[in-house]
């Protein structure tokens, strides 16, 4: 089987599990994964954050690991990629302000390539305008953004995934097993 190449969008204070786990899982099944961040070059680091529920009404953000970017943001050739993974955490709220992030994201929808997004990663999709008429899930606090962008937010357990054509979404990192399985399937990757 030919190796699949994935573009992963991230930024400072991406949720630690939501970049580390999919990155490593995609590598483990033989994918090439280029992780990019606006204004960052290969070898630069982004800070991650760990989102955990510790008795407050919402998650608490704790400092996570440093994660190395492995591709220059401005050196991306979109035709080289088979799929897009949009990470969650705090990063999507500000990387979506970068027009190239939006252009990169639109490319995958315009070419009907698989797109996986987790948790707050959906904020990139809503800013891009690609969720209109689509059914998807996300961290519940971003549900209103999906509705305002013309999509249908589906409230599912945190371990579940919603698939709508080439769009694969999950509310948070506990959904990685279902999200990654669906993403692998959309990419034509068969395991076992």
C-alpha atoms as a PDB file:
ATOM      1  CA  UNK A   1       0.000   0.000   0.000  1.00  0.00           C
ATOM      2  CA  UNK A   2       1.267   3.450  -0.884  1.00  0.00           C
ATOM      3  CA  UNK A   3       1.981   5.717   2.095  1.00  0.00           C
ATOM      4  CA  UNK A   4      -0.588   8.423   2.767  1.00  0.00           C
ATOM      5  CA  UNK A   5       0.526  11.953   3.496  1.00  0.00           C
ATOM      6  CA  UNK A   6      -1.389  13.992   6.070  1.00  0.00           C
ATOM      7  CA  UNK A   7      -1.318  17.698   6.825  1.00  0.00           C
ATOM      8  CA  UNK A   8      -1.932  18.486  10.491  1.00  0.00           C
ATOM      9  CA  UNK A   9      -2.851  22.016  11.630  1.00  0.00           C
ATOM     10  CA  UNK A  10      -1.692  22.994  15.113  1.00  0.00           C
ATOM     11  CA  UNK A  11      -0.526  25.961  17.177  1.00  0.00           C
ATOM     12  CA  UNK A  12       0.573  27.014  20.623  1.00  0.00           C
ATOM     13  CA  UNK A  13      -1.583  25.502  23.368  1.00  0.00           C
ATOM     14  CA  UNK A  14      -2.987  22.793  21.147  1.00  0.00           C
ATOM     15  CA  UNK A  15      -4.428  20.125  23.449  1.00  0.00           C
ATOM     16  CA  UNK A  16      -1.553  17.743  24.170  1.00  0.00           C
ATOM     17  CA  UNK A  17      -3.398  14.471  23.439  1.00  0.00           C
ATOM     18  CA  UNK A  18      -5.097  15.991  20.391  1.00  0.00           C
ATOM     19  CA  UNK A  19      -1.781  16.498  18.630  1.00  0.00           C
ATOM     20  CA  UNK A  20       0.410  13.766  20.149  1.00  0.00           C
ATOM     21  CA  UNK A  21      -1.956  10.793  19.827  1.00  0.00           C
ATOM     22  CA  UNK A  22      -3.120  11.308  16.227  1.00  0.00           C
ATOM     23  CA  UNK A  23       0.388  12.246  15.104  1.00  0.00           C
ATOM     24  CA  UNK A  24       1.891   9.088  16.574  1.00  0.00           C
ATOM     25  CA  UNK A  25      -1.021   6.864  15.496  1.00  0.00           C
ATOM     26  CA  UNK A  26      -0.788   8.089  11.907  1.00  0.00           C
ATOM     27  CA  UNK A  27       2.954   7.465  11.886  1.00  0.00           C
ATOM     28  CA  UNK A  28       2.393   3.985  13.340  1.00  0.00           C
ATOM     29  CA  UNK A  29       0.230   2.971  10.371  1.00  0.00           C
ATOM     30  CA  UNK A  30       2.780   4.245   7.861  1.00  0.00           C
ATOM     31  CA  UNK A  31       1.515   7.744   7.111  1.00  0.00           C
ATOM     32  CA  UNK A  32       3.778  10.714   6.569  1.00  0.00           C
ATOM     33  CA  UNK A  33       2.507  13.559   8.763  1.00  0.00           C
ATOM     34  CA  UNK A  34       3.492  17.205   8.306  1.00  0.00           C
ATOM     35  CA  UNK A  35       2.549  19.312  11.327  1.00  0.00           C
ATOM     36  CA  UNK A  36       2.370  23.018  10.560  1.00  0.00           C
ATOM     37  CA  UNK A  37       1.616  26.218  12.443  1.00  0.00           C
ATOM     38  CA  UNK A  38       1.336  29.777  11.114  1.00  0.00           C
ATOM     39  CA  UNK A  39       4.573  31.743  11.537  1.00  0.00           C
ATOM     40  CA  UNK A  40       6.502  28.583  12.484  1.00  0.00           C
ATOM     41  CA  UNK A  41       9.180  26.686  10.623  1.00  0.00           C
ATOM     42  CA  UNK A  42      10.379  23.107  10.766  1.00  0.00           C
ATOM     43  CA  UNK A  43      12.251  22.617  14.036  1.00  0.00           C
ATOM     44  CA  UNK A  44      10.317  25.300  15.922  1.00  0.00           C
ATOM     45  CA  UNK A  45       8.295  24.188  18.929  1.00  0.00           C
ATOM     46  CA  UNK A  46       4.742  24.801  19.995  1.00  0.00           C
ATOM     47  CA  UNK A  47       3.562  24.529  23.586  1.00  0.00           C
ATOM     48  CA  UNK A  48       0.800  22.055  24.325  1.00  0.00           C
ATOM     49  CA  UNK A  49      -1.852  22.210  27.026  1.00  0.00           C
ATOM     50  CA  UNK A  50      -3.568  19.439  28.917  1.00  0.00           C
ATOM     51  CA  UNK A  51      -7.303  19.944  29.273  1.00  0.00           C
ATOM     52  CA  UNK A  52      -8.746  18.112  32.230  1.00  0.00           C
ATOM     53  CA  UNK A  53     -11.942  18.241  34.232  1.00  0.00           C
ATOM     54  CA  UNK A  54     -11.039  18.893  37.857  1.00  0.00           C
ATOM     55  CA  UNK A  55     -14.360  19.879  39.418  1.00  0.00           C
ATOM     56  CA  UNK A  56     -14.943  23.194  37.650  1.00  0.00           C
ATOM     57  CA  UNK A  57     -17.769  23.948  35.212  1.00  0.00           C
ATOM     58  CA  UNK A  58     -15.352  23.628  32.301  1.00  0.00           C
ATOM     59  CA  UNK A  59     -11.932  22.130  31.728  1.00  0.00           C
ATOM     60  CA  UNK A  60      -8.814  23.430  33.409  1.00  0.00           C
ATOM     61  CA  UNK A  61      -5.811  24.106  31.200  1.00  0.00           C
ATOM     62  CA  UNK A  62      -2.476  22.802  32.443  1.00  0.00           C
ATOM     63  CA  UNK A  63       0.893  23.153  30.687  1.00  0.00           C
ATOM     64  CA  UNK A  64       1.793  20.145  28.584  1.00  0.00           C
ATOM     65  CA  UNK A  65       4.816  19.172  26.488  1.00  0.00           C
ATOM     66  CA  UNK A  66       6.674  20.974  23.740  1.00  0.00           C
ATOM     67  CA  UNK A  67       5.901  19.605  20.291  1.00  0.00           C
ATOM     68  CA  UNK A  68       8.246  20.044  17.334  1.00  0.00           C
ATOM     69  CA  UNK A  69       6.813  21.423  14.105  1.00  0.00           C
ATOM     70  CA  UNK A  70       8.232  19.381  11.214  1.00  0.00           C
ATOM     71  CA  UNK A  71       7.254  21.431   8.133  1.00  0.00           C
ATOM     72  CA  UNK A  72       7.541  25.124   7.280  1.00  0.00           C
ATOM     73  CA  UNK A  73       4.038  26.594   7.204  1.00  0.00           C
ATOM     74  CA  UNK A  74       4.712  28.540   4.013  1.00  0.00           C
ATOM     75  CA  UNK A  75       6.273  25.540   2.226  1.00  0.00           C
ATOM     76  CA  UNK A  76       3.064  23.468   2.091  1.00  0.00           C
ATOM     77  CA  UNK A  77       2.042  22.144  -1.334  1.00  0.00           C
ATOM     78  CA  UNK A  78      -1.570  21.087  -0.819  1.00  0.00           C
ATOM     79  CA  UNK A  79      -1.578  18.706  -3.777  1.00  0.00           C
ATOM     80  CA  UNK A  80       0.943  16.538  -1.873  1.00  0.00           C
ATOM     81  CA  UNK A  81      -1.601  15.586   0.803  1.00  0.00           C
ATOM     82  CA  UNK A  82      -4.235  12.862   1.028  1.00  0.00           C
ATOM     83  CA  UNK A  83      -5.958  14.158   4.161  1.00  0.00           C
ATOM     84  CA  UNK A  84      -6.174  16.900   6.774  1.00  0.00           C
ATOM     85  CA  UNK A  85      -6.231  16.584  10.566  1.00  0.00           C
ATOM     86  CA  UNK A  86      -7.291  19.669  12.551  1.00  0.00           C
ATOM     87  CA  UNK A  87      -6.166  19.493  16.163  1.00  0.00           C
ATOM     88  CA  UNK A  88      -8.061  20.932  19.123  1.00  0.00           C
ATOM     89  CA  UNK A  89      -7.264  22.908  22.230  1.00  0.00           C
ATOM     90  CA  UNK A  90      -6.884  26.667  22.313  1.00  0.00           C
ATOM     91  CA  UNK A  91      -4.882  26.901  19.064  1.00  0.00           C
ATOM     92  CA  UNK A  92      -7.866  26.795  16.657  1.00  0.00           C
ATOM     93  CA  UNK A  93      -9.359  30.000  18.073  1.00  0.00           C
ATOM     94  CA  UNK A  94      -6.396  32.013  16.773  1.00  0.00           C
ATOM     95  CA  UNK A  95      -4.909  29.990  13.886  1.00  0.00           C
ATOM     96  CA  UNK A  96      -8.283  30.396  12.153  1.00  0.00           C
ATOM     97  CA  UNK A  97      -7.448  34.101  11.874  1.00  0.00           C
ATOM     98  CA  UNK A  98      -4.709  33.228   9.387  1.00  0.00           C
ATOM     99  CA  UNK A  99      -6.075  33.300   5.827  1.00  0.00           C
ATOM    100  CA  UNK A 100      -3.691  30.552   4.670  1.00  0.00           C
ATOM    101  CA  UNK A 101      -5.094  28.209   7.345  1.00  0.00           C
ATOM    102  CA  UNK A 102      -8.538  28.817   5.864  1.00  0.00           C
ATOM    103  CA  UNK A 103      -7.256  28.327   2.309  1.00  0.00           C
ATOM    104  CA  UNK A 104      -5.485  25.111   3.291  1.00  0.00           C
ATOM    105  CA  UNK A 105      -8.682  23.810   4.894  1.00  0.00           C
ATOM    106  CA  UNK A 106     -10.906  24.745   1.937  1.00  0.00           C
ATOM    107  CA  UNK A 107      -8.595  22.834  -0.402  1.00  0.00           C
ATOM    108  CA  UNK A 108      -9.410  19.522   1.291  1.00  0.00           C
ATOM    109  CA  UNK A 109     -13.148  20.153   1.037  1.00  0.00           C
ATOM    110  CA  UNK A 110     -12.919  21.418  -2.550  1.00  0.00           C
ATOM    111  CA  UNK A 111     -11.105  18.183  -3.493  1.00  0.00           C
ATOM    112  CA  UNK A 112     -13.261  15.898  -1.302  1.00  0.00           C
ATOM    113  CA  UNK A 113     -10.243  14.649   0.649  1.00  0.00           C
ATOM    114  CA  UNK A 114     -10.747  13.206   4.164  1.00  0.00           C
ATOM    115  CA  UNK A 115     -10.789  15.775   6.967  1.00  0.00           C
ATOM    116  CA  UNK A 116     -10.691  14.836  10.650  1.00  0.00           C
ATOM    117  CA  UNK A 117     -11.235  17.454  13.344  1.00  0.00           C
ATOM    118  CA  UNK A 118     -11.386  17.053  17.100  1.00  0.00           C
ATOM    119  CA  UNK A 119     -12.784  19.188  19.907  1.00  0.00           C
ATOM    120  CA  UNK A 120     -12.137  22.923  19.283  1.00  0.00           C
ATOM    121  CA  UNK A 121     -10.536  22.112  15.898  1.00  0.00           C
ATOM    122  CA  UNK A 122     -14.027  22.646  14.543  1.00  0.00           C
ATOM    123  CA  UNK A 123     -13.461  26.392  15.042  1.00  0.00           C
ATOM    124  CA  UNK A 124     -11.161  26.303  12.009  1.00  0.00           C
ATOM    125  CA  UNK A 125     -13.939  24.647  10.000  1.00  0.00           C
ATOM    126  CA  UNK A 126     -16.621  27.132  11.038  1.00  0.00           C
ATOM    127  CA  UNK A 127     -14.367  30.068  10.125  1.00  0.00           C
ATOM    128  CA  UNK A 128     -13.677  28.466   6.757  1.00  0.00           C
ATOM    129  CA  UNK A 129     -17.355  28.191   5.854  1.00  0.00           C
ATOM    130  CA  UNK A 130     -17.239  24.474   5.055  1.00  0.00           C
ATOM    131  CA  UNK A 131     -19.783  23.213   7.618  1.00  0.00           C
ATOM    132  CA  UNK A 132     -22.892  24.672   5.998  1.00  0.00           C
ATOM    133  CA  UNK A 133     -25.363  21.849   5.471  1.00  0.00           C
ATOM    134  CA  UNK A 134     -23.073  19.335   7.226  1.00  0.00           C
ATOM    135  CA  UNK A 135     -23.661  17.320  10.391  1.00  0.00           C
ATOM    136  CA  UNK A 136     -20.747  17.240  12.813  1.00  0.00           C
ATOM    137  CA  UNK A 137     -19.810  17.197  16.454  1.00  0.00           C
ATOM    138  CA  UNK A 138     -17.363  19.127  18.600  1.00  0.00           C
ATOM    139  CA  UNK A 139     -16.696  20.138  22.163  1.00  0.00           C
ATOM    140  CA  UNK A 140     -20.174  21.266  23.336  1.00  0.00           C
ATOM    141  CA  UNK A 141     -19.096  24.887  23.914  1.00  0.00           C
ATOM    142  CA  UNK A 142     -18.447  25.207  20.157  1.00  0.00           C
ATOM    143  CA  UNK A 143     -21.838  23.790  19.186  1.00  0.00           C
ATOM    144  CA  UNK A 144     -23.364  27.272  18.779  1.00  0.00           C
ATOM    145  CA  UNK A 145     -20.597  28.180  16.311  1.00  0.00           C
ATOM    146  CA  UNK A 146     -21.505  25.180  14.177  1.00  0.00           C
ATOM    147  CA  UNK A 147     -25.155  26.222  14.146  1.00  0.00           C
ATOM    148  CA  UNK A 148     -24.302  29.848  13.318  1.00  0.00           C
ATOM    149  CA  UNK A 149     -22.085  28.617  10.459  1.00  0.00           C
ATOM    150  CA  UNK A 150     -25.025  26.692   8.974  1.00  0.00           C
ATOM    151  CA  UNK A 151     -24.104  23.224  10.188  1.00  0.00           C
ATOM    152  CA  UNK A 152     -25.961  20.803  12.408  1.00  0.00           C
ATOM    153  CA  UNK A 153     -24.243  20.111  15.735  1.00  0.00           C
ATOM    154  CA  UNK A 154     -24.778  16.566  16.923  1.00  0.00           C
ATOM    155  CA  UNK A 155     -24.431  15.956  20.660  1.00  0.00           C
ATOM    156  CA  UNK A 156     -22.743  12.558  21.026  1.00  0.00           C
ATOM    157  CA  UNK A 157     -20.831  10.883  23.857  1.00  0.00           C
ATOM    158  CA  UNK A 158     -17.238  12.068  24.119  1.00  0.00           C
ATOM    159  CA  UNK A 159     -16.023   8.671  22.879  1.00  0.00           C
ATOM    160  CA  UNK A 160     -18.018   8.812  19.641  1.00  0.00           C
ATOM    161  CA  UNK A 161     -17.418  10.181  16.151  1.00  0.00           C
ATOM    162  CA  UNK A 162     -19.720  11.700  13.544  1.00  0.00           C
ATOM    163  CA  UNK A 163     -19.066  11.041   9.858  1.00  0.00           C
ATOM    164  CA  UNK A 164     -20.598  13.207   7.125  1.00  0.00           C
ATOM    165  CA  UNK A 165     -19.035  12.366   3.767  1.00  0.00           C
ATOM    166  CA  UNK A 166     -15.350  13.306   3.916  1.00  0.00           C
ATOM    167  CA  UNK A 167     -15.793  15.080   7.296  1.00  0.00           C
ATOM    168  CA  UNK A 168     -14.966  13.100  10.439  1.00  0.00           C
ATOM    169  CA  UNK A 169     -15.392  14.769  13.854  1.00  0.00           C
ATOM    170  CA  UNK A 170     -15.262  13.886  17.544  1.00  0.00           C
ATOM    171  CA  UNK A 171     -15.990  15.972  20.670  1.00  0.00           C
ATOM    172  CA  UNK A 172     -12.601  15.443  22.354  1.00  0.00           C
ATOM    173  CA  UNK A 173      -9.579  13.173  22.739  1.00  0.00           C
ATOM    174  CA  UNK A 174     -11.480  10.266  24.375  1.00  0.00           C
ATOM    175  CA  UNK A 175     -12.954   9.785  20.880  1.00  0.00           C
ATOM    176  CA  UNK A 176      -9.583   9.089  19.258  1.00  0.00           C
ATOM    177  CA  UNK A 177     -10.249   5.350  18.757  1.00  0.00           C
ATOM    178  CA  UNK A 178     -13.433   5.993  16.755  1.00  0.00           C
ATOM    179  CA  UNK A 179     -12.124   9.161  15.081  1.00  0.00           C
ATOM    180  CA  UNK A 180      -8.857   7.618  13.947  1.00  0.00           C
ATOM    181  CA  UNK A 181     -10.539   4.391  12.827  1.00  0.00           C
ATOM    182  CA  UNK A 182     -12.930   6.405  10.632  1.00  0.00           C
ATOM    183  CA  UNK A 183     -10.083   8.603   9.327  1.00  0.00           C
ATOM    184  CA  UNK A 184      -7.985   5.532   8.463  1.00  0.00           C
ATOM    185  CA  UNK A 185     -10.968   4.051   6.657  1.00  0.00           C
ATOM    186  CA  UNK A 186     -11.553   7.275   4.676  1.00  0.00           C
ATOM    187  CA  UNK A 187      -7.875   7.278   3.693  1.00  0.00           C
ATOM    188  CA  UNK A 188      -8.112   3.659   2.538  1.00  0.00           C
ATOM    189  CA  UNK A 189      -5.867   2.367   5.327  1.00  0.00           C
ATOM    190  CA  UNK A 190      -6.800  -1.153   6.407  1.00  0.00           C
ATOM    191  CA  UNK A 191      -5.488  -2.613   9.653  1.00  0.00           C
ATOM    192  CA  UNK A 192      -5.715  -6.269  10.605  1.00  0.00           C
END
